[in-house]
Amino acid sequence: MMGIGYGCSLDAGSRGPFGPEDPETPVRKTTLPDKPPSPHVLQFTGDDTAGHHKPKMVGAGTDTHVKRSTNASAVFTSDEVMTLRNAAERDSRVTKLLGSRWAFIDADRMPPEGKISFGCCRDTTGLTRLVYYSYSQNVAVEVRMKGENLFSVSRLEVYQPPEGQQDIQRGIELAKADPRLAGKVEQLQGHGLLMQPDRGFFRNDPGYAHRTIWITFAQGQDGNPKYWAVVDLTDDKVLEVGEEPPRS
C-alpha cells in the first residue's frame, strides 16, 4: 500500500506514456545547401569479353607507367625448374618414393629455419623445395635441394598440395577418353580444379582420400562449362561425368 500510494502521488500532468516528460533538447538548425551533392556512380569498363564487365576500382592509379616491380631473383625460371627437377628425379631416393606414376606440382625457395625472410632474402639460403604427388603411393612428396644436390626427401602424409599442371593435363586426358564424353568435348577447352570428396557416416564419397580432380569443358577460358567429370588420379580412372544444364 505504501508503494502504491507513493506511485500515485506523482502529478499526472507531468507523466507521459513512457515516464515523466523531459524538456526538449535544443538542436541547432542549419540551412540545407542549394545544390545537394551527387551520389557516387559505380562505373564499368566495356572492354572485357563475353559480356563480362569489370568495375573500375575506386582510387586505382591511372598512370600506366606506374607498375609494381617483382623480385626476379626470388622467382624460378622454367629452365631453373627443369634443372632442379632433372637433378632430383635422377636420385634413387626420390624415384623410390615417387613410384611409377607421379606428377610434379611446384618449386619454391625456402627461407632459413627459424627465421622469416621475404623478397630478395628468400634466395640467400640456397635451399629450394620441390613438391610432387605420387599417384602410386597416394602421397605428396617433398624434395629439398641445396643447389643441384639432394638435401632431403620425405613423404607429406595427409597433405594435398594444390593442383599442378600435370594433374590437370592427366585429368583432361582421362575425361576425354571416357566413352560417355566421346564426341562431345573434343572441340572444347578443359579446366581442372582439385576437389576433396566427403567422408560419409556409412559410406565415403567416390574418390575419398585420393588425388581427385574436377574437370570441366567449356568454350575457351571464359565460357560456361558444358560438361564435367570427376577423375580419380590415384586410381587413374573417371568416376563420374555429366552435362551442365544450359544457362540463360
C-alpha atoms as a PDB file:
ATOM      1  CA  MET A   1       0.000   0.000   0.000  1.00  0.00           C
ATOM      2  CA  MET A   2       2.865   2.369   0.713  1.00  0.00           C
ATOM      3  CA  GLY A   3       4.335   1.668  -2.747  1.00  0.00           C
ATOM      4  CA  ILE A   4       1.031   2.257  -4.464  1.00  0.00           C
ATOM      5  CA  GLY A   5       0.486   5.424  -2.534  1.00  0.00           C
ATOM      6  CA  TYR A   6       3.941   6.710  -3.476  1.00  0.00           C
ATOM      7  CA  GLY A   7       3.385   5.881  -7.147  1.00  0.00           C
ATOM      8  CA  CYS A   8       0.068   7.645  -7.240  1.00  0.00           C
ATOM      9  CA  SER A   9       1.465  10.736  -5.563  1.00  0.00           C
ATOM     10  CA  LEU A  10       3.131  11.925  -8.829  1.00  0.00           C
ATOM     11  CA  ASP A  11       1.474  14.720 -10.714  1.00  0.00           C
ATOM     12  CA  ALA A  12      -0.476  13.117 -13.565  1.00  0.00           C
ATOM     13  CA  GLY A  13       0.143  16.102 -15.785  1.00  0.00           C
ATOM     14  CA  SER A  14       3.939  15.556 -15.695  1.00  0.00           C
ATOM     15  CA  ARG A  15       3.804  11.939 -16.876  1.00  0.00           C
ATOM     16  CA  GLY A  16       3.872  10.648 -20.442  1.00  0.00           C
ATOM     17  CA  PRO A  17       3.255   7.130 -21.757  1.00  0.00           C
ATOM     18  CA  PHE A  18       6.953   6.257 -21.092  1.00  0.00           C
ATOM     19  CA  GLY A  19       7.503   8.100 -17.824  1.00  0.00           C
ATOM     20  CA  PRO A  20       7.963  11.710 -16.781  1.00  0.00           C
ATOM     21  CA  GLU A  21       8.340  14.108 -19.678  1.00  0.00           C
ATOM     22  CA  ASP A  22      11.774  15.762 -20.002  1.00  0.00           C
ATOM     23  CA  PRO A  23      12.258  19.152 -21.636  1.00  0.00           C
ATOM     24  CA  GLU A  24      13.144  19.093 -25.351  1.00  0.00           C
ATOM     25  CA  THR A  25      16.832  19.080 -26.229  1.00  0.00           C
ATOM     26  CA  PRO A  26      17.704  22.198 -28.199  1.00  0.00           C
ATOM     27  CA  VAL A  27      19.037  21.370 -31.686  1.00  0.00           C
ATOM     28  CA  ARG A  28      20.834  23.951 -33.761  1.00  0.00           C
ATOM     29  CA  LYS A  29      19.209  24.227 -37.162  1.00  0.00           C
ATOM     30  CA  THR A  30      21.333  24.629 -40.272  1.00  0.00           C
ATOM     31  CA  THR A  31      20.396  25.670 -43.777  1.00  0.00           C
ATOM     32  CA  LEU A  32      20.441  22.975 -46.452  1.00  0.00           C
ATOM     33  CA  PRO A  33      22.789  23.565 -49.395  1.00  0.00           C
ATOM     34  CA  ASP A  34      21.273  24.954 -52.580  1.00  0.00           C
ATOM     35  CA  LYS A  35      22.691  22.030 -54.599  1.00  0.00           C
ATOM     36  CA  PRO A  36      22.838  18.648 -52.840  1.00  0.00           C
ATOM     37  CA  PRO A  37      25.957  16.531 -53.529  1.00  0.00           C
ATOM     38  CA  SER A  38      25.625  13.975 -56.287  1.00  0.00           C
ATOM     39  CA  PRO A  39      25.962  10.295 -55.294  1.00  0.00           C
ATOM     40  CA  HIS A  40      28.963   8.296 -56.461  1.00  0.00           C
ATOM     41  CA  VAL A  41      28.140   6.201 -59.525  1.00  0.00           C
ATOM     42  CA  LEU A  42      29.799   2.801 -59.970  1.00  0.00           C
ATOM     43  CA  GLN A  43      31.354   2.732 -63.429  1.00  0.00           C
ATOM     44  CA  PHE A  44      32.107  -0.331 -65.506  1.00  0.00           C
ATOM     45  CA  THR A  45      34.554  -0.945 -68.273  1.00  0.00           C
ATOM     46  CA  GLY A  46      33.268  -2.234 -71.569  1.00  0.00           C
ATOM     47  CA  ASP A  47      36.445  -3.809 -72.893  1.00  0.00           C
ATOM     48  CA  ASP A  48      36.015  -7.262 -71.368  1.00  0.00           C
ATOM     49  CA  THR A  49      34.971 -10.243 -73.430  1.00  0.00           C
ATOM     50  CA  ALA A  50      31.917 -12.484 -73.381  1.00  0.00           C
ATOM     51  CA  GLY A  51      29.705  -9.819 -71.840  1.00  0.00           C
ATOM     52  CA  HIS A  52      31.550  -9.730 -68.509  1.00  0.00           C
ATOM     53  CA  HIS A  53      32.215  -6.250 -67.117  1.00  0.00           C
ATOM     54  CA  LYS A  54      34.805  -5.379 -64.517  1.00  0.00           C
ATOM     55  CA  PRO A  55      34.118  -2.459 -62.138  1.00  0.00           C
ATOM     56  CA  LYS A  56      36.624   0.356 -62.062  1.00  0.00           C
ATOM     57  CA  MET A  57      38.382   0.304 -58.721  1.00  0.00           C
ATOM     58  CA  VAL A  58      37.964   3.464 -56.683  1.00  0.00           C
ATOM     59  CA  GLY A  59      41.335   5.070 -56.061  1.00  0.00           C
ATOM     60  CA  ALA A  60      43.122   2.948 -58.642  1.00  0.00           C
ATOM     61  CA  GLY A  61      46.040   4.684 -60.304  1.00  0.00           C
ATOM     62  CA  THR A  62      45.517   5.784 -63.876  1.00  0.00           C
ATOM     63  CA  ASP A  63      49.210   6.277 -64.658  1.00  0.00           C
ATOM     64  CA  THR A  64      50.051   3.339 -66.883  1.00  0.00           C
ATOM     65  CA  HIS A  65      53.816   3.590 -66.340  1.00  0.00           C
ATOM     66  CA  VAL A  66      53.472   3.015 -62.593  1.00  0.00           C
ATOM     67  CA  LYS A  67      53.850  -0.732 -62.082  1.00  0.00           C
ATOM     68  CA  ARG A  68      54.724  -2.949 -59.133  1.00  0.00           C
ATOM     69  CA  SER A  69      58.114  -4.474 -59.705  1.00  0.00           C
ATOM     70  CA  THR A  70      58.796  -8.128 -58.919  1.00  0.00           C
ATOM     71  CA  ASN A  71      61.949  -9.586 -57.488  1.00  0.00           C
ATOM     72  CA  ALA A  72      63.263 -11.672 -60.351  1.00  0.00           C
ATOM     73  CA  SER A  73      65.848 -13.367 -58.137  1.00  0.00           C
ATOM     74  CA  ALA A  74      63.110 -14.880 -55.944  1.00  0.00           C
ATOM     75  CA  VAL A  75      61.231 -16.445 -58.863  1.00  0.00           C
ATOM     76  CA  PHE A  76      62.353 -19.560 -60.691  1.00  0.00           C
ATOM     77  CA  THR A  77      62.529 -19.540 -64.449  1.00  0.00           C
ATOM     78  CA  SER A  78      61.270 -22.551 -66.347  1.00  0.00           C
ATOM     79  CA  ASP A  79      64.858 -23.530 -67.157  1.00  0.00           C
ATOM     80  CA  GLU A  80      65.842 -23.358 -63.480  1.00  0.00           C
ATOM     81  CA  VAL A  81      62.872 -25.523 -62.509  1.00  0.00           C
ATOM     82  CA  MET A  82      63.777 -28.090 -65.149  1.00  0.00           C
ATOM     83  CA  THR A  83      67.387 -28.170 -63.963  1.00  0.00           C
ATOM     84  CA  LEU A  84      66.290 -28.815 -60.383  1.00  0.00           C
ATOM     85  CA  ARG A  85      63.800 -31.453 -61.470  1.00  0.00           C
ATOM     86  CA  ASN A  86      66.356 -33.319 -63.558  1.00  0.00           C
ATOM     87  CA  ALA A  87      68.752 -33.406 -60.625  1.00  0.00           C
ATOM     88  CA  ALA A  88      66.081 -34.599 -58.196  1.00  0.00           C
ATOM     89  CA  GLU A  89      64.465 -37.161 -60.471  1.00  0.00           C
ATOM     90  CA  ARG A  90      67.800 -38.835 -61.169  1.00  0.00           C
ATOM     91  CA  ASP A  91      68.240 -39.611 -57.468  1.00  0.00           C
ATOM     92  CA  SER A  92      67.160 -43.113 -56.480  1.00  0.00           C
ATOM     93  CA  ARG A  93      65.878 -41.900 -53.105  1.00  0.00           C
ATOM     94  CA  VAL A  94      63.390 -39.673 -54.908  1.00  0.00           C
ATOM     95  CA  THR A  95      62.308 -42.189 -57.532  1.00  0.00           C
ATOM     96  CA  LYS A  96      61.692 -44.789 -54.831  1.00  0.00           C
ATOM     97  CA  LEU A  97      59.164 -42.548 -53.078  1.00  0.00           C
ATOM     98  CA  LEU A  98      57.538 -41.368 -56.316  1.00  0.00           C
ATOM     99  CA  GLY A  99      56.898 -44.846 -57.702  1.00  0.00           C
ATOM    100  CA  SER A 100      55.796 -45.495 -61.252  1.00  0.00           C
ATOM    101  CA  ARG A 101      53.060 -42.836 -61.537  1.00  0.00           C
ATOM    102  CA  TRP A 102      53.519 -39.314 -60.230  1.00  0.00           C
ATOM    103  CA  ALA A 103      53.191 -35.631 -61.087  1.00  0.00           C
ATOM    104  CA  PHE A 104      55.343 -32.591 -60.418  1.00  0.00           C
ATOM    105  CA  ILE A 105      53.440 -29.846 -58.578  1.00  0.00           C
ATOM    106  CA  ASP A 106      55.619 -26.809 -57.815  1.00  0.00           C
ATOM    107  CA  ALA A 107      59.034 -25.441 -56.890  1.00  0.00           C
ATOM    108  CA  ASP A 108      59.803 -22.713 -54.353  1.00  0.00           C
ATOM    109  CA  ARG A 109      62.704 -21.163 -52.494  1.00  0.00           C
ATOM    110  CA  MET A 110      62.880 -21.918 -48.794  1.00  0.00           C
ATOM    111  CA  PRO A 111      63.630 -19.402 -46.020  1.00  0.00           C
ATOM    112  CA  PRO A 112      66.151 -20.396 -43.334  1.00  0.00           C
ATOM    113  CA  GLU A 113      64.814 -22.405 -40.419  1.00  0.00           C
ATOM    114  CA  GLY A 114      63.556 -20.291 -37.514  1.00  0.00           C
ATOM    115  CA  LYS A 115      63.615 -17.038 -39.479  1.00  0.00           C
ATOM    116  CA  ILE A 116      61.123 -15.144 -41.607  1.00  0.00           C
ATOM    117  CA  SER A 117      62.503 -13.963 -44.910  1.00  0.00           C
ATOM    118  CA  PHE A 118      60.797 -12.041 -47.636  1.00  0.00           C
ATOM    119  CA  GLY A 119      61.563 -10.811 -51.108  1.00  0.00           C
ATOM    120  CA  CYS A 120      65.231 -10.768 -52.025  1.00  0.00           C
ATOM    121  CA  CYS A 121      66.242 -12.511 -48.778  1.00  0.00           C
ATOM    122  CA  ARG A 122      64.481 -15.736 -49.736  1.00  0.00           C
ATOM    123  CA  ASP A 123      67.199 -16.728 -52.221  1.00  0.00           C
ATOM    124  CA  THR A 124      70.140 -16.295 -49.833  1.00  0.00           C
ATOM    125  CA  THR A 125      69.807 -19.730 -48.220  1.00  0.00           C
ATOM    126  CA  GLY A 126      70.299 -21.738 -51.392  1.00  0.00           C
ATOM    127  CA  LEU A 127      67.610 -24.207 -50.285  1.00  0.00           C
ATOM    128  CA  THR A 128      64.765 -24.992 -52.627  1.00  0.00           C
ATOM    129  CA  ARG A 129      61.736 -27.222 -52.276  1.00  0.00           C
ATOM    130  CA  LEU A 130      60.150 -29.355 -54.967  1.00  0.00           C
ATOM    131  CA  VAL A 131      56.699 -30.807 -54.347  1.00  0.00           C
ATOM    132  CA  TYR A 132      55.465 -33.909 -56.168  1.00  0.00           C
ATOM    133  CA  TYR A 133      52.451 -36.143 -55.815  1.00  0.00           C
ATOM    134  CA  SER A 134      52.883 -39.870 -56.116  1.00  0.00           C
ATOM    135  CA  TYR A 135      49.772 -41.457 -57.573  1.00  0.00           C
ATOM    136  CA  SER A 136      51.301 -44.882 -56.989  1.00  0.00           C
ATOM    137  CA  GLN A 137      51.812 -44.263 -53.275  1.00  0.00           C
ATOM    138  CA  ASN A 138      48.877 -41.817 -52.930  1.00  0.00           C
ATOM    139  CA  VAL A 139      51.022 -39.335 -51.030  1.00  0.00           C
ATOM    140  CA  ALA A 140      52.697 -35.966 -51.540  1.00  0.00           C
ATOM    141  CA  VAL A 141      56.496 -35.971 -51.656  1.00  0.00           C
ATOM    142  CA  GLU A 142      58.720 -33.059 -50.672  1.00  0.00           C
ATOM    143  CA  VAL A 143      62.231 -32.825 -52.072  1.00  0.00           C
ATOM    144  CA  ARG A 144      64.671 -30.277 -50.649  1.00  0.00           C
ATOM    145  CA  MET A 145      67.643 -29.260 -52.743  1.00  0.00           C
ATOM    146  CA  LYS A 146      70.853 -27.392 -51.946  1.00  0.00           C
ATOM    147  CA  GLY A 147      71.761 -26.100 -55.351  1.00  0.00           C
ATOM    148  CA  GLU A 148      71.537 -29.183 -57.569  1.00  0.00           C
ATOM    149  CA  ASN A 149      72.326 -31.593 -54.750  1.00  0.00           C
ATOM    150  CA  LEU A 150      69.674 -33.504 -52.827  1.00  0.00           C
ATOM    151  CA  PHE A 151      69.334 -32.239 -49.260  1.00  0.00           C
ATOM    152  CA  SER A 152      66.371 -34.375 -48.092  1.00  0.00           C
ATOM    153  CA  VAL A 153      63.313 -36.201 -49.370  1.00  0.00           C
ATOM    154  CA  SER A 154      60.214 -37.109 -47.344  1.00  0.00           C
ATOM    155  CA  ARG A 155      56.571 -38.085 -47.556  1.00  0.00           C
ATOM    156  CA  LEU A 156      53.960 -35.468 -46.663  1.00  0.00           C
ATOM    157  CA  GLU A 157      51.222 -37.577 -45.148  1.00  0.00           C
ATOM    158  CA  VAL A 158      47.586 -36.390 -45.286  1.00  0.00           C
ATOM    159  CA  TYR A 159      48.561 -33.351 -47.369  1.00  0.00           C
ATOM    160  CA  GLN A 160      47.008 -32.457 -50.692  1.00  0.00           C
ATOM    161  CA  PRO A 161      49.028 -29.762 -52.470  1.00  0.00           C
ATOM    162  CA  PRO A 162      47.186 -27.512 -54.943  1.00  0.00           C
ATOM    163  CA  GLU A 163      46.605 -28.955 -58.364  1.00  0.00           C
ATOM    164  CA  GLY A 164      49.570 -28.821 -60.719  1.00  0.00           C
ATOM    165  CA  GLN A 165      49.600 -28.586 -64.486  1.00  0.00           C
ATOM    166  CA  GLN A 166      50.333 -32.296 -64.827  1.00  0.00           C
ATOM    167  CA  ASP A 167      47.348 -33.105 -62.587  1.00  0.00           C
ATOM    168  CA  ILE A 168      45.067 -31.072 -64.827  1.00  0.00           C
ATOM    169  CA  GLN A 169      46.507 -32.476 -68.040  1.00  0.00           C
ATOM    170  CA  ARG A 170      46.103 -36.085 -66.897  1.00  0.00           C
ATOM    171  CA  GLY A 171      42.565 -35.418 -65.720  1.00  0.00           C
ATOM    172  CA  ILE A 172      41.642 -33.913 -69.094  1.00  0.00           C
ATOM    173  CA  GLU A 173      43.170 -36.872 -70.952  1.00  0.00           C
ATOM    174  CA  LEU A 174      41.212 -39.409 -68.904  1.00  0.00           C
ATOM    175  CA  ALA A 175      37.963 -37.460 -69.212  1.00  0.00           C
ATOM    176  CA  LYS A 176      38.281 -37.109 -72.989  1.00  0.00           C
ATOM    177  CA  ALA A 177      38.939 -40.844 -73.299  1.00  0.00           C
ATOM    178  CA  ASP A 178      35.792 -41.743 -71.347  1.00  0.00           C
ATOM    179  CA  PRO A 179      33.169 -43.206 -73.746  1.00  0.00           C
ATOM    180  CA  ARG A 180      30.415 -41.194 -72.034  1.00  0.00           C
ATOM    181  CA  LEU A 181      32.041 -37.979 -73.295  1.00  0.00           C
ATOM    182  CA  ALA A 182      33.212 -39.298 -76.656  1.00  0.00           C
ATOM    183  CA  GLY A 183      32.435 -36.886 -79.499  1.00  0.00           C
ATOM    184  CA  LYS A 184      31.277 -34.133 -77.135  1.00  0.00           C
ATOM    185  CA  VAL A 185      34.367 -32.421 -75.750  1.00  0.00           C
ATOM    186  CA  GLU A 186      36.992 -32.654 -78.485  1.00  0.00           C
ATOM    187  CA  GLN A 187      36.483 -29.029 -79.561  1.00  0.00           C
ATOM    188  CA  LEU A 188      36.150 -27.675 -76.016  1.00  0.00           C
ATOM    189  CA  GLN A 189      38.840 -26.464 -73.640  1.00  0.00           C
ATOM    190  CA  GLY A 190      39.424 -28.405 -70.448  1.00  0.00           C
ATOM    191  CA  HIS A 191      39.977 -26.917 -66.990  1.00  0.00           C
ATOM    192  CA  GLY A 192      40.807 -28.596 -63.691  1.00  0.00           C
ATOM    193  CA  LEU A 193      40.380 -27.914 -60.003  1.00  0.00           C
ATOM    194  CA  LEU A 194      41.431 -30.134 -57.113  1.00  0.00           C
ATOM    195  CA  MET A 195      38.494 -31.441 -55.094  1.00  0.00           C
ATOM    196  CA  GLN A 196      38.098 -33.374 -51.850  1.00  0.00           C
ATOM    197  CA  PRO A 197      35.247 -35.895 -51.736  1.00  0.00           C
ATOM    198  CA  ASP A 198      33.363 -36.029 -48.446  1.00  0.00           C
ATOM    199  CA  ARG A 199      33.670 -38.692 -45.788  1.00  0.00           C
ATOM    200  CA  GLY A 200      30.265 -40.221 -45.158  1.00  0.00           C
ATOM    201  CA  PHE A 201      28.831 -41.717 -41.996  1.00  0.00           C
ATOM    202  CA  PHE A 202      28.205 -45.120 -43.572  1.00  0.00           C
ATOM    203  CA  ARG A 203      29.886 -44.727 -46.971  1.00  0.00           C
ATOM    204  CA  ASN A 204      32.504 -42.281 -48.220  1.00  0.00           C
ATOM    205  CA  ASP A 205      32.062 -40.447 -51.497  1.00  0.00           C
ATOM    206  CA  PRO A 206      33.883 -41.969 -54.504  1.00  0.00           C
ATOM    207  CA  GLY A 207      37.478 -40.760 -54.588  1.00  0.00           C
ATOM    208  CA  TYR A 208      37.661 -40.011 -50.867  1.00  0.00           C
ATOM    209  CA  ALA A 209      41.274 -39.697 -49.579  1.00  0.00           C
ATOM    210  CA  HIS A 210      42.568 -39.972 -53.160  1.00  0.00           C
ATOM    211  CA  ARG A 211      44.033 -37.375 -55.503  1.00  0.00           C
ATOM    212  CA  THR A 212      40.741 -36.336 -57.122  1.00  0.00           C
ATOM    213  CA  ILE A 213      40.253 -33.533 -59.614  1.00  0.00           C
ATOM    214  CA  TRP A 214      37.157 -31.822 -61.048  1.00  0.00           C
ATOM    215  CA  ILE A 215      37.416 -31.375 -64.816  1.00  0.00           C
ATOM    216  CA  THR A 216      35.162 -29.072 -66.835  1.00  0.00           C
ATOM    217  CA  PHE A 217      34.952 -28.431 -70.569  1.00  0.00           C
ATOM    218  CA  ALA A 218      33.967 -25.038 -71.962  1.00  0.00           C
ATOM    219  CA  GLN A 219      34.382 -22.749 -74.951  1.00  0.00           C
ATOM    220  CA  GLY A 220      37.687 -21.019 -74.222  1.00  0.00           C
ATOM    221  CA  GLN A 221      38.772 -19.622 -70.879  1.00  0.00           C
ATOM    222  CA  ASP A 222      35.663 -17.592 -70.026  1.00  0.00           C
ATOM    223  CA  GLY A 223      32.880 -19.768 -71.385  1.00  0.00           C
ATOM    224  CA  ASN A 224      30.347 -21.508 -69.184  1.00  0.00           C
ATOM    225  CA  PRO A 225      31.107 -25.206 -68.571  1.00  0.00           C
ATOM    226  CA  LYS A 226      29.189 -27.594 -70.801  1.00  0.00           C
ATOM    227  CA  TYR A 227      30.423 -30.943 -69.477  1.00  0.00           C
ATOM    228  CA  TRP A 228      32.167 -32.089 -66.313  1.00  0.00           C
ATOM    229  CA  ALA A 229      33.981 -35.128 -64.977  1.00  0.00           C
ATOM    230  CA  VAL A 230      35.291 -36.309 -61.605  1.00  0.00           C
ATOM    231  CA  VAL A 231      38.640 -38.023 -62.103  1.00  0.00           C
ATOM    232  CA  ASP A 232      40.449 -40.151 -59.521  1.00  0.00           C
ATOM    233  CA  LEU A 233      44.129 -39.675 -60.361  1.00  0.00           C
ATOM    234  CA  THR A 234      45.228 -42.164 -57.708  1.00  0.00           C
ATOM    235  CA  ASP A 235      43.285 -44.981 -59.391  1.00  0.00           C
ATOM    236  CA  ASP A 236      43.725 -43.368 -62.837  1.00  0.00           C
ATOM    237  CA  LYS A 237      40.046 -43.560 -63.744  1.00  0.00           C
ATOM    238  CA  VAL A 238      36.968 -41.407 -64.298  1.00  0.00           C
ATOM    239  CA  LEU A 239      34.405 -41.678 -61.501  1.00  0.00           C
ATOM    240  CA  GLU A 240      31.534 -39.581 -62.841  1.00  0.00           C
ATOM    241  CA  VAL A 241      30.631 -37.467 -65.857  1.00  0.00           C
ATOM    242  CA  GLY A 242      27.751 -35.145 -66.578  1.00  0.00           C
ATOM    243  CA  GLU A 243      26.377 -32.343 -68.693  1.00  0.00           C
ATOM    244  CA  GLU A 244      25.803 -28.879 -67.320  1.00  0.00           C
ATOM    245  CA  PRO A 245      22.258 -27.522 -67.780  1.00  0.00           C
ATOM    246  CA  PRO A 246      22.006 -24.578 -70.195  1.00  0.00           C
ATOM    247  CA  ARG A 247      22.334 -21.146 -68.579  1.00  0.00           C
ATOM    248  CA  SER A 248      20.125 -18.290 -69.616  1.00  0.00           C
END
